[in-house]
Amino acid sequence: MKAKWLYWLDVFLFVDFLILGVSSFLLWLIFPQGYFPSRLFWVEVHKWSGLALYVGVLLHLGLHWRWIVRMTSRQFGAIIRRSQTENWEE
């Protein structure tokens, strides 16, 4: 069940990433300045897709939290063990 949630969350994040990229491109090159309806529309799309990406990444981190903690402790544990063995060999 969790794998299905992660899959659909990843699909959502990818589509949202594409929308954010397209809106960035349009606002940067096509509608760089001014006050007209099409630019205002893309500003709103950009703001909301940015917020959606933020929430999606937080959900993604939350669903992977145990893995993140395990990997971080393994990495820092390996660094600590390596530094302790280097100190003993000197």
PDB file of N, CA and C in Angstrom:
ATOM      1  N   MET A   1       0.825  -1.202   0.000  1.00  0.00           N
ATOM      2  CA  MET A   1       0.000   0.000   0.000  1.00  0.00           C
ATOM      3  C   MET A   1       0.869   1.265   0.000  1.00  0.00           C
ATOM      4  N   LYS A   2       1.949   1.247   0.816  1.00  0.00           N
ATOM      5  CA  LYS A   2       2.822   2.418   0.881  1.00  0.00           C
ATOM      6  C   LYS A   2       3.509   2.650  -0.464  1.00  0.00           C
ATOM      7  N   ALA A   3       3.857   1.577  -1.143  1.00  0.00           N
ATOM      8  CA  ALA A   3       4.516   1.708  -2.443  1.00  0.00           C
ATOM      9  C   ALA A   3       3.605   2.418  -3.442  1.00  0.00           C
ATOM     10  N   LYS A   4       2.300   2.146  -3.390  1.00  0.00           N
ATOM     11  CA  LYS A   4       1.354   2.815  -4.278  1.00  0.00           C
ATOM     12  C   LYS A   4       1.289   4.312  -3.991  1.00  0.00           C
ATOM     13  N   TRP A   5       1.246   4.661  -2.709  1.00  0.00           N
ATOM     14  CA  TRP A   5       1.239   6.079  -2.314  1.00  0.00           C
ATOM     15  C   TRP A   5       2.499   6.778  -2.808  1.00  0.00           C
ATOM     16  N   LEU A   6       3.638   6.126  -2.615  1.00  0.00           N
ATOM     17  CA  LEU A   6       4.902   6.722  -3.049  1.00  0.00           C
ATOM     18  C   LEU A   6       4.943   6.890  -4.565  1.00  0.00           C
ATOM     19  N   TYR A   7       4.436   5.913  -5.280  1.00  0.00           N
ATOM     20  CA  TYR A   7       4.408   6.006  -6.742  1.00  0.00           C
ATOM     21  C   TYR A   7       3.580   7.213  -7.187  1.00  0.00           C
ATOM     22  N   TRP A   8       2.361   7.329  -6.674  1.00  0.00           N
ATOM     23  CA  TRP A   8       1.491   8.417  -7.095  1.00  0.00           C
ATOM     24  C   TRP A   8       2.002   9.771  -6.614  1.00  0.00           C
ATOM     25  N   LEU A   9       2.641   9.792  -5.466  1.00  0.00           N
ATOM     26  CA  LEU A   9       3.257  11.035  -5.002  1.00  0.00           C
ATOM     27  C   LEU A   9       4.404  11.429  -5.930  1.00  0.00           C
ATOM     28  N   ASP A  10       5.194  10.456  -6.359  1.00  0.00           N
ATOM     29  CA  ASP A  10       6.278  10.743  -7.300  1.00  0.00           C
ATOM     30  C   ASP A  10       5.740  11.230  -8.650  1.00  0.00           C
ATOM     31  N   VAL A  11       4.652  10.633  -9.131  1.00  0.00           N
ATOM     32  CA  VAL A  11       4.024  11.092 -10.378  1.00  0.00           C
ATOM     33  C   VAL A  11       3.551  12.532 -10.215  1.00  0.00           C
ATOM     34  N   PHE A  12       2.892  12.813  -9.096  1.00  0.00           N
ATOM     35  CA  PHE A  12       2.425  14.171  -8.817  1.00  0.00           C
ATOM     36  C   PHE A  12       3.594  15.157  -8.777  1.00  0.00           C
ATOM     37  N   LEU A  13       4.665  14.790  -8.082  1.00  0.00           N
ATOM     38  CA  LEU A  13       5.817  15.675  -7.978  1.00  0.00           C
ATOM     39  C   LEU A  13       6.456  15.920  -9.341  1.00  0.00           C
ATOM     40  N   PHE A  14       6.521  14.897 -10.167  1.00  0.00           N
ATOM     41  CA  PHE A  14       7.101  15.057 -11.503  1.00  0.00           C
ATOM     42  C   PHE A  14       6.250  15.992 -12.362  1.00  0.00           C
ATOM     43  N   VAL A  15       4.940  15.795 -12.374  1.00  0.00           N
ATOM     44  CA  VAL A  15       4.053  16.654 -13.164  1.00  0.00           C
ATOM     45  C   VAL A  15       4.116  18.088 -12.639  1.00  0.00           C
ATOM     46  N   ASP A  16       4.108  18.235 -11.323  1.00  0.00           N
ATOM     47  CA  ASP A  16       4.186  19.563 -10.727  1.00  0.00           C
ATOM     48  C   ASP A  16       5.522  20.230 -11.061  1.00  0.00           C
ATOM     49  N   PHE A  17       6.597  19.458 -11.056  1.00  0.00           N
ATOM     50  CA  PHE A  17       7.908  19.966 -11.438  1.00  0.00           C
ATOM     51  C   PHE A  17       7.887  20.488 -12.869  1.00  0.00           C
ATOM     52  N   LEU A  18       7.241  19.744 -13.773  1.00  0.00           N
ATOM     53  CA  LEU A  18       7.126  20.189 -15.168  1.00  0.00           C
ATOM     54  C   LEU A  18       6.326  21.479 -15.282  1.00  0.00           C
ATOM     55  N   ILE A  19       5.215  21.560 -14.550  1.00  0.00           N
ATOM     56  CA  ILE A  19       4.391  22.773 -14.571  1.00  0.00           C
ATOM     57  C   ILE A  19       5.191  23.961 -14.044  1.00  0.00           C
ATOM     58  N   LEU A  20       5.927  23.758 -12.979  1.00  0.00           N
ATOM     59  CA  LEU A  20       6.744  24.819 -12.404  1.00  0.00           C
ATOM     60  C   LEU A  20       7.828  25.257 -13.387  1.00  0.00           C
ATOM     61  N   GLY A  21       8.422  24.307 -14.070  1.00  0.00           N
ATOM     62  CA  GLY A  21       9.442  24.640 -15.065  1.00  0.00           C
ATOM     63  C   GLY A  21       8.876  25.418 -16.242  1.00  0.00           C
ATOM     64  N   VAL A  22       7.714  25.001 -16.743  1.00  0.00           N
ATOM     65  CA  VAL A  22       7.083  25.698 -17.870  1.00  0.00           C
ATOM     66  C   VAL A  22       6.684  27.112 -17.451  1.00  0.00           C
ATOM     67  N   SER A  23       6.089  27.249 -16.279  1.00  0.00           N
ATOM     68  CA  SER A  23       5.684  28.588 -15.838  1.00  0.00           C
ATOM     69  C   SER A  23       6.904  29.473 -15.604  1.00  0.00           C
ATOM     70  N   SER A  24       7.992  28.907 -15.096  1.00  0.00           N
ATOM     71  CA  SER A  24       9.228  29.687 -14.923  1.00  0.00           C
ATOM     72  C   SER A  24       9.744  30.181 -16.265  1.00  0.00           C
ATOM     73  N   PHE A  25       9.785  29.293 -17.233  1.00  0.00           N
ATOM     74  CA  PHE A  25      10.256  29.647 -18.568  1.00  0.00           C
ATOM     75  C   PHE A  25       9.393  30.758 -19.170  1.00  0.00           C
ATOM     76  N   LEU A  26       8.072  30.595 -19.075  1.00  0.00           N
ATOM     77  CA  LEU A  26       7.172  31.591 -19.653  1.00  0.00           C
ATOM     78  C   LEU A  26       7.321  32.944 -18.964  1.00  0.00           C
ATOM     79  N   LEU A  27       7.398  32.937 -17.643  1.00  0.00           N
ATOM     80  CA  LEU A  27       7.528  34.206 -16.925  1.00  0.00           C
ATOM     81  C   LEU A  27       8.881  34.856 -17.155  1.00  0.00           C
ATOM     82  N   TRP A  28       9.889  34.062 -17.398  1.00  0.00           N
ATOM     83  CA  TRP A  28      11.233  34.602 -17.587  1.00  0.00           C
ATOM     84  C   TRP A  28      11.439  35.145 -18.996  1.00  0.00           C
ATOM     85  N   LEU A  29      10.964  34.392 -20.006  1.00  0.00           N
ATOM     86  CA  LEU A  29      11.258  34.772 -21.389  1.00  0.00           C
ATOM     87  C   LEU A  29      10.083  35.359 -22.165  1.00  0.00           C
ATOM     88  N   ILE A  30       8.894  34.861 -21.939  1.00  0.00           N
ATOM     89  CA  ILE A  30       7.751  35.278 -22.755  1.00  0.00           C
ATOM     90  C   ILE A  30       7.020  36.468 -22.134  1.00  0.00           C
ATOM     91  N   PHE A  31       6.783  36.404 -20.822  1.00  0.00           N
ATOM     92  CA  PHE A  31       6.061  37.473 -20.119  1.00  0.00           C
ATOM     93  C   PHE A  31       6.942  38.069 -19.020  1.00  0.00           C
ATOM     94  N   PRO A  32       8.091  38.649 -19.348  1.00  0.00           N
ATOM     95  CA  PRO A  32       9.010  39.080 -18.298  1.00  0.00           C
ATOM     96  C   PRO A  32       8.493  40.222 -17.429  1.00  0.00           C
ATOM     97  N   GLN A  33       7.752  41.163 -17.983  1.00  0.00           N
ATOM     98  CA  GLN A  33       7.253  42.292 -17.201  1.00  0.00           C
ATOM     99  C   GLN A  33       5.896  42.709 -17.718  1.00  0.00           C
ATOM    100  N   GLY A  34       5.220  43.495 -16.918  1.00  0.00           N
ATOM    101  CA  GLY A  34       3.944  44.030 -17.358  1.00  0.00           C
ATOM    102  C   GLY A  34       2.796  43.537 -16.508  1.00  0.00           C
ATOM    103  N   TYR A  35       1.660  44.105 -16.779  1.00  0.00           N
ATOM    104  CA  TYR A  35       0.456  43.789 -16.029  1.00  0.00           C
ATOM    105  C   TYR A  35      -0.637  43.479 -17.043  1.00  0.00           C
ATOM    106  N   PHE A  36      -0.718  42.215 -17.417  1.00  0.00           N
ATOM    107  CA  PHE A  36      -1.754  41.805 -18.358  1.00  0.00           C
ATOM    108  C   PHE A  36      -2.226  40.413 -17.961  1.00  0.00           C
ATOM    109  N   PRO A  37      -3.438  40.045 -18.377  1.00  0.00           N
ATOM    110  CA  PRO A  37      -4.065  38.815 -17.872  1.00  0.00           C
ATOM    111  C   PRO A  37      -3.252  37.538 -18.052  1.00  0.00           C
ATOM    112  N   SER A  38      -2.615  37.352 -19.194  1.00  0.00           N
ATOM    113  CA  SER A  38      -1.884  36.098 -19.399  1.00  0.00           C
ATOM    114  C   SER A  38      -0.699  35.988 -18.451  1.00  0.00           C
ATOM    115  N   ARG A  39      -0.010  37.092 -18.173  1.00  0.00           N
ATOM    116  CA  ARG A  39       1.107  37.057 -17.226  1.00  0.00           C
ATOM    117  C   ARG A  39       0.591  36.786 -15.820  1.00  0.00           C
ATOM    118  N   LEU A  40      -0.502  37.431 -15.444  1.00  0.00           N
ATOM    119  CA  LEU A  40      -1.070  37.219 -14.109  1.00  0.00           C
ATOM    120  C   LEU A  40      -1.500  35.763 -13.925  1.00  0.00           C
ATOM    121  N   PHE A  41      -2.056  35.168 -14.970  1.00  0.00           N
ATOM    122  CA  PHE A  41      -2.440  33.760 -14.911  1.00  0.00           C
ATOM    123  C   PHE A  41      -1.223  32.886 -14.620  1.00  0.00           C
ATOM    124  N   TRP A  42      -0.111  33.126 -15.345  1.00  0.00           N
ATOM    125  CA  TRP A  42       1.078  32.292 -15.158  1.00  0.00           C
ATOM    126  C   TRP A  42       1.775  32.563 -13.835  1.00  0.00           C
ATOM    127  N   VAL A  43       1.648  33.771 -13.317  1.00  0.00           N
ATOM    128  CA  VAL A  43       2.177  34.048 -11.972  1.00  0.00           C
ATOM    129  C   VAL A  43       1.426  33.206 -10.950  1.00  0.00           C
ATOM    130  N   GLU A  44       0.106  33.148 -11.089  1.00  0.00           N
ATOM    131  CA  GLU A  44      -0.696  32.337 -10.157  1.00  0.00           C
ATOM    132  C   GLU A  44      -0.370  30.854 -10.301  1.00  0.00           C
ATOM    133  N   VAL A  45      -0.245  30.364 -11.533  1.00  0.00           N
ATOM    134  CA  VAL A  45       0.123  28.959 -11.761  1.00  0.00           C
ATOM    135  C   VAL A  45       1.464  28.668 -11.106  1.00  0.00           C
ATOM    136  N   HIS A  46       2.408  29.582 -11.275  1.00  0.00           N
ATOM    137  CA  HIS A  46       3.749  29.406 -10.713  1.00  0.00           C
ATOM    138  C   HIS A  46       3.712  29.374  -9.181  1.00  0.00           C
ATOM    139  N   LYS A  47       2.973  30.308  -8.586  1.00  0.00           N
ATOM    140  CA  LYS A  47       2.891  30.355  -7.115  1.00  0.00           C
ATOM    141  C   LYS A  47       2.256  29.087  -6.552  1.00  0.00           C
ATOM    142  N   TRP A  48       1.129  28.661  -7.128  1.00  0.00           N
ATOM    143  CA  TRP A  48       0.429  27.502  -6.591  1.00  0.00           C
ATOM    144  C   TRP A  48       1.181  26.194  -6.850  1.00  0.00           C
ATOM    145  N   SER A  49       1.825  26.092  -8.008  1.00  0.00           N
ATOM    146  CA  SER A  49       2.594  24.874  -8.264  1.00  0.00           C
ATOM    147  C   SER A  49       3.831  24.830  -7.376  1.00  0.00           C
ATOM    148  N   GLY A  50       4.414  25.984  -7.050  1.00  0.00           N
ATOM    149  CA  GLY A  50       5.526  26.025  -6.107  1.00  0.00           C
ATOM    150  C   GLY A  50       5.093  25.574  -4.724  1.00  0.00           C
ATOM    151  N   LEU A  51       3.928  26.041  -4.281  1.00  0.00           N
ATOM    152  CA  LEU A  51       3.399  25.617  -2.985  1.00  0.00           C
ATOM    153  C   LEU A  51       3.092  24.124  -2.989  1.00  0.00           C
ATOM    154  N   ALA A  52       2.520  23.626  -4.078  1.00  0.00           N
ATOM    155  CA  ALA A  52       2.204  22.195  -4.182  1.00  0.00           C
ATOM    156  C   ALA A  52       3.479  21.358  -4.156  1.00  0.00           C
ATOM    157  N   LEU A  53       4.531  21.844  -4.804  1.00  0.00           N
ATOM    158  CA  LEU A  53       5.806  21.125  -4.795  1.00  0.00           C
ATOM    159  C   LEU A  53       6.378  21.076  -3.382  1.00  0.00           C
ATOM    160  N   TYR A  54       6.297  22.181  -2.665  1.00  0.00           N
ATOM    161  CA  TYR A  54       6.770  22.246  -1.287  1.00  0.00           C
ATOM    162  C   TYR A  54       6.036  21.223  -0.407  1.00  0.00           C
ATOM    163  N   VAL A  55       4.725  21.199  -0.499  1.00  0.00           N
ATOM    164  CA  VAL A  55       3.927  20.258   0.301  1.00  0.00           C
ATOM    165  C   VAL A  55       4.232  18.818  -0.119  1.00  0.00           C
ATOM    166  N   GLY A  56       4.356  18.586  -1.418  1.00  0.00           N
ATOM    167  CA  GLY A  56       4.663  17.245  -1.906  1.00  0.00           C
ATOM    168  C   GLY A  56       6.013  16.750  -1.424  1.00  0.00           C
ATOM    169  N   VAL A  57       7.008  17.622  -1.414  1.00  0.00           N
ATOM    170  CA  VAL A  57       8.333  17.222  -0.931  1.00  0.00           C
ATOM    171  C   VAL A  57       8.275  16.927   0.568  1.00  0.00           C
ATOM    172  N   LEU A  58       7.542  17.737   1.323  1.00  0.00           N
ATOM    173  CA  LEU A  58       7.390  17.449   2.762  1.00  0.00           C
ATOM    174  C   LEU A  58       6.730  16.086   2.982  1.00  0.00           C
ATOM    175  N   LEU A  59       5.695  15.778   2.218  1.00  0.00           N
ATOM    176  CA  LEU A  59       5.051  14.461   2.313  1.00  0.00           C
ATOM    177  C   LEU A  59       6.028  13.351   1.936  1.00  0.00           C
ATOM    178  N   HIS A  60       6.788  13.569   0.888  1.00  0.00           N
ATOM    179  CA  HIS A  60       7.764  12.586   0.431  1.00  0.00           C
ATOM    180  C   HIS A  60       8.802  12.328   1.519  1.00  0.00           C
ATOM    181  N   LEU A  61       9.314  13.392   2.123  1.00  0.00           N
ATOM    182  CA  LEU A  61      10.275  13.230   3.221  1.00  0.00           C
ATOM    183  C   LEU A  61       9.641  12.516   4.409  1.00  0.00           C
ATOM    184  N   GLY A  62       8.391  12.851   4.710  1.00  0.00           N
ATOM    185  CA  GLY A  62       7.698  12.190   5.813  1.00  0.00           C
ATOM    186  C   GLY A  62       7.521  10.701   5.582  1.00  0.00           C
ATOM    187  N   LEU A  63       7.189  10.326   4.354  1.00  0.00           N
ATOM    188  CA  LEU A  63       7.001   8.913   4.042  1.00  0.00           C
ATOM    189  C   LEU A  63       8.326   8.147   4.010  1.00  0.00           C
ATOM    190  N   HIS A  64       9.425   8.834   3.801  1.00  0.00           N
ATOM    191  CA  HIS A  64      10.742   8.199   3.781  1.00  0.00           C
ATOM    192  C   HIS A  64      11.545   8.458   5.052  1.00  0.00           C
ATOM    193  N   TRP A  65      10.926   8.992   6.078  1.00  0.00           N
ATOM    194  CA  TRP A  65      11.658   9.453   7.251  1.00  0.00           C
ATOM    195  C   TRP A  65      12.501   8.352   7.907  1.00  0.00           C
ATOM    196  N   ARG A  66      11.930   7.168   8.083  1.00  0.00           N
ATOM    197  CA  ARG A  66      12.692   6.079   8.717  1.00  0.00           C
ATOM    198  C   ARG A  66      13.925   5.723   7.903  1.00  0.00           C
ATOM    199  N   TRP A  67      13.794   5.698   6.579  1.00  0.00           N
ATOM    200  CA  TRP A  67      14.932   5.404   5.710  1.00  0.00           C
ATOM    201  C   TRP A  67      15.989   6.501   5.829  1.00  0.00           C
ATOM    202  N   ILE A  68      15.557   7.756   5.858  1.00  0.00           N
ATOM    203  CA  ILE A  68      16.488   8.882   5.980  1.00  0.00           C
ATOM    204  C   ILE A  68      17.262   8.790   7.289  1.00  0.00           C
ATOM    205  N   VAL A  69      16.569   8.492   8.381  1.00  0.00           N
ATOM    206  CA  VAL A  69      17.227   8.379   9.690  1.00  0.00           C
ATOM    207  C   VAL A  69      18.224   7.223   9.683  1.00  0.00           C
ATOM    208  N   ARG A  70      17.820   6.065   9.150  1.00  0.00           N
ATOM    209  CA  ARG A  70      18.728   4.914   9.096  1.00  0.00           C
ATOM    210  C   ARG A  70      19.974   5.206   8.275  1.00  0.00           C
ATOM    211  N   MET A  71      19.794   5.769   7.096  1.00  0.00           N
ATOM    212  CA  MET A  71      20.933   6.054   6.220  1.00  0.00           C
ATOM    213  C   MET A  71      21.851   7.108   6.824  1.00  0.00           C
ATOM    214  N   THR A  72      21.265   8.116   7.465  1.00  0.00           N
ATOM    215  CA  THR A  72      22.081   9.154   8.098  1.00  0.00           C
ATOM    216  C   THR A  72      22.895   8.567   9.234  1.00  0.00           C
ATOM    217  N   SER A  73      22.278   7.735  10.044  1.00  0.00           N
ATOM    218  CA  SER A  73      23.034   7.134  11.154  1.00  0.00           C
ATOM    219  C   SER A  73      24.111   6.187  10.638  1.00  0.00           C
ATOM    220  N   ARG A  74      23.831   5.475   9.549  1.00  0.00           N
ATOM    221  CA  ARG A  74      24.866   4.608   8.967  1.00  0.00           C
ATOM    222  C   ARG A  74      26.039   5.427   8.448  1.00  0.00           C
ATOM    223  N   GLN A  75      25.742   6.510   7.745  1.00  0.00           N
ATOM    224  CA  GLN A  75      26.805   7.328   7.170  1.00  0.00           C
ATOM    225  C   GLN A  75      27.640   7.989   8.252  1.00  0.00           C
ATOM    226  N   PHE A  76      26.974   8.595   9.233  1.00  0.00           N
ATOM    227  CA  PHE A  76      27.726   9.235  10.302  1.00  0.00           C
ATOM    228  C   PHE A  76      28.418   8.216  11.183  1.00  0.00           C
ATOM    229  N   GLY A  77      27.805   7.054  11.353  1.00  0.00           N
ATOM    230  CA  GLY A  77      28.459   5.991  12.116  1.00  0.00           C
ATOM    231  C   GLY A  77      29.722   5.529  11.423  1.00  0.00           C
ATOM    232  N   ALA A  78      29.686   5.405  10.094  1.00  0.00           N
ATOM    233  CA  ALA A  78      30.868   4.995   9.348  1.00  0.00           C
ATOM    234  C   ALA A  78      31.961   6.056   9.436  1.00  0.00           C
ATOM    235  N   ILE A  79      31.584   7.312   9.385  1.00  0.00           N
ATOM    236  CA  ILE A  79      32.571   8.395   9.493  1.00  0.00           C
ATOM    237  C   ILE A  79      33.206   8.397  10.876  1.00  0.00           C
ATOM    238  N   ILE A  80      32.392   8.222  11.901  1.00  0.00           N
ATOM    239  CA  ILE A  80      32.913   8.210  13.282  1.00  0.00           C
ATOM    240  C   ILE A  80      33.827   7.013  13.485  1.00  0.00           C
ATOM    241  N   ARG A  81      33.399   5.842  13.009  1.00  0.00           N
ATOM    242  CA  ARG A  81      34.246   4.649  13.162  1.00  0.00           C
ATOM    243  C   ARG A  81      35.564   4.811  12.424  1.00  0.00           C
ATOM    244  N   ARG A  82      35.512   5.379  11.218  1.00  0.00           N
ATOM    245  CA  ARG A  82      36.716   5.583  10.435  1.00  0.00           C
ATOM    246  C   ARG A  82      37.666   6.555  11.144  1.00  0.00           C
ATOM    247  N   SER A  83      37.136   7.623  11.702  1.00  0.00           N
ATOM    248  CA  SER A  83      38.002   8.595  12.377  1.00  0.00           C
ATOM    249  C   SER A  83      38.587   7.996  13.654  1.00  0.00           C
ATOM    250  N   GLN A  84      37.829   7.150  14.331  1.00  0.00           N
ATOM    251  CA  GLN A  84      38.372   6.527  15.548  1.00  0.00           C
ATOM    252  C   GLN A  84      39.483   5.542  15.212  1.00  0.00           C
ATOM    253  N   THR A  85      39.353   4.790  14.146  1.00  0.00           N
ATOM    254  CA  THR A  85      40.415   3.841  13.784  1.00  0.00           C
ATOM    255  C   THR A  85      41.655   4.576  13.281  1.00  0.00           C
ATOM    256  N   GLU A  86      41.464   5.703  12.597  1.00  0.00           N
ATOM    257  CA  GLU A  86      42.605   6.483  12.134  1.00  0.00           C
ATOM    258  C   GLU A  86      43.380   7.069  13.320  1.00  0.00           C
ATOM    259  N   ASN A  87      42.664   7.499  14.342  1.00  0.00           N
ATOM    260  CA  ASN A  87      43.323   8.057  15.531  1.00  0.00           C
ATOM    261  C   ASN A  87      44.132   6.988  16.272  1.00  0.00           C
ATOM    262  N   TRP A  88      43.641   5.752  16.292  1.00  0.00           N
ATOM    263  CA  TRP A  88      44.348   4.680  16.999  1.00  0.00           C
ATOM    264  C   TRP A  88      45.585   4.244  16.239  1.00  0.00           C
ATOM    265  N   GLU A  89      45.549   4.376  14.915  1.00  0.00           N
ATOM    266  CA  GLU A  89      46.692   3.912  14.113  1.00  0.00           C
ATOM    267  C   GLU A  89      47.861   4.881  14.147  1.00  0.00           C
ATOM    268  N   GLU A  90      47.653   6.126  14.531  1.00  0.00           N
ATOM    269  CA  GLU A  90      48.716   7.123  14.543  1.00  0.00           C
ATOM    270  C   GLU A  90      49.635   6.946  15.680  1.00  0.00           C
TER     271      GLU A  90
END
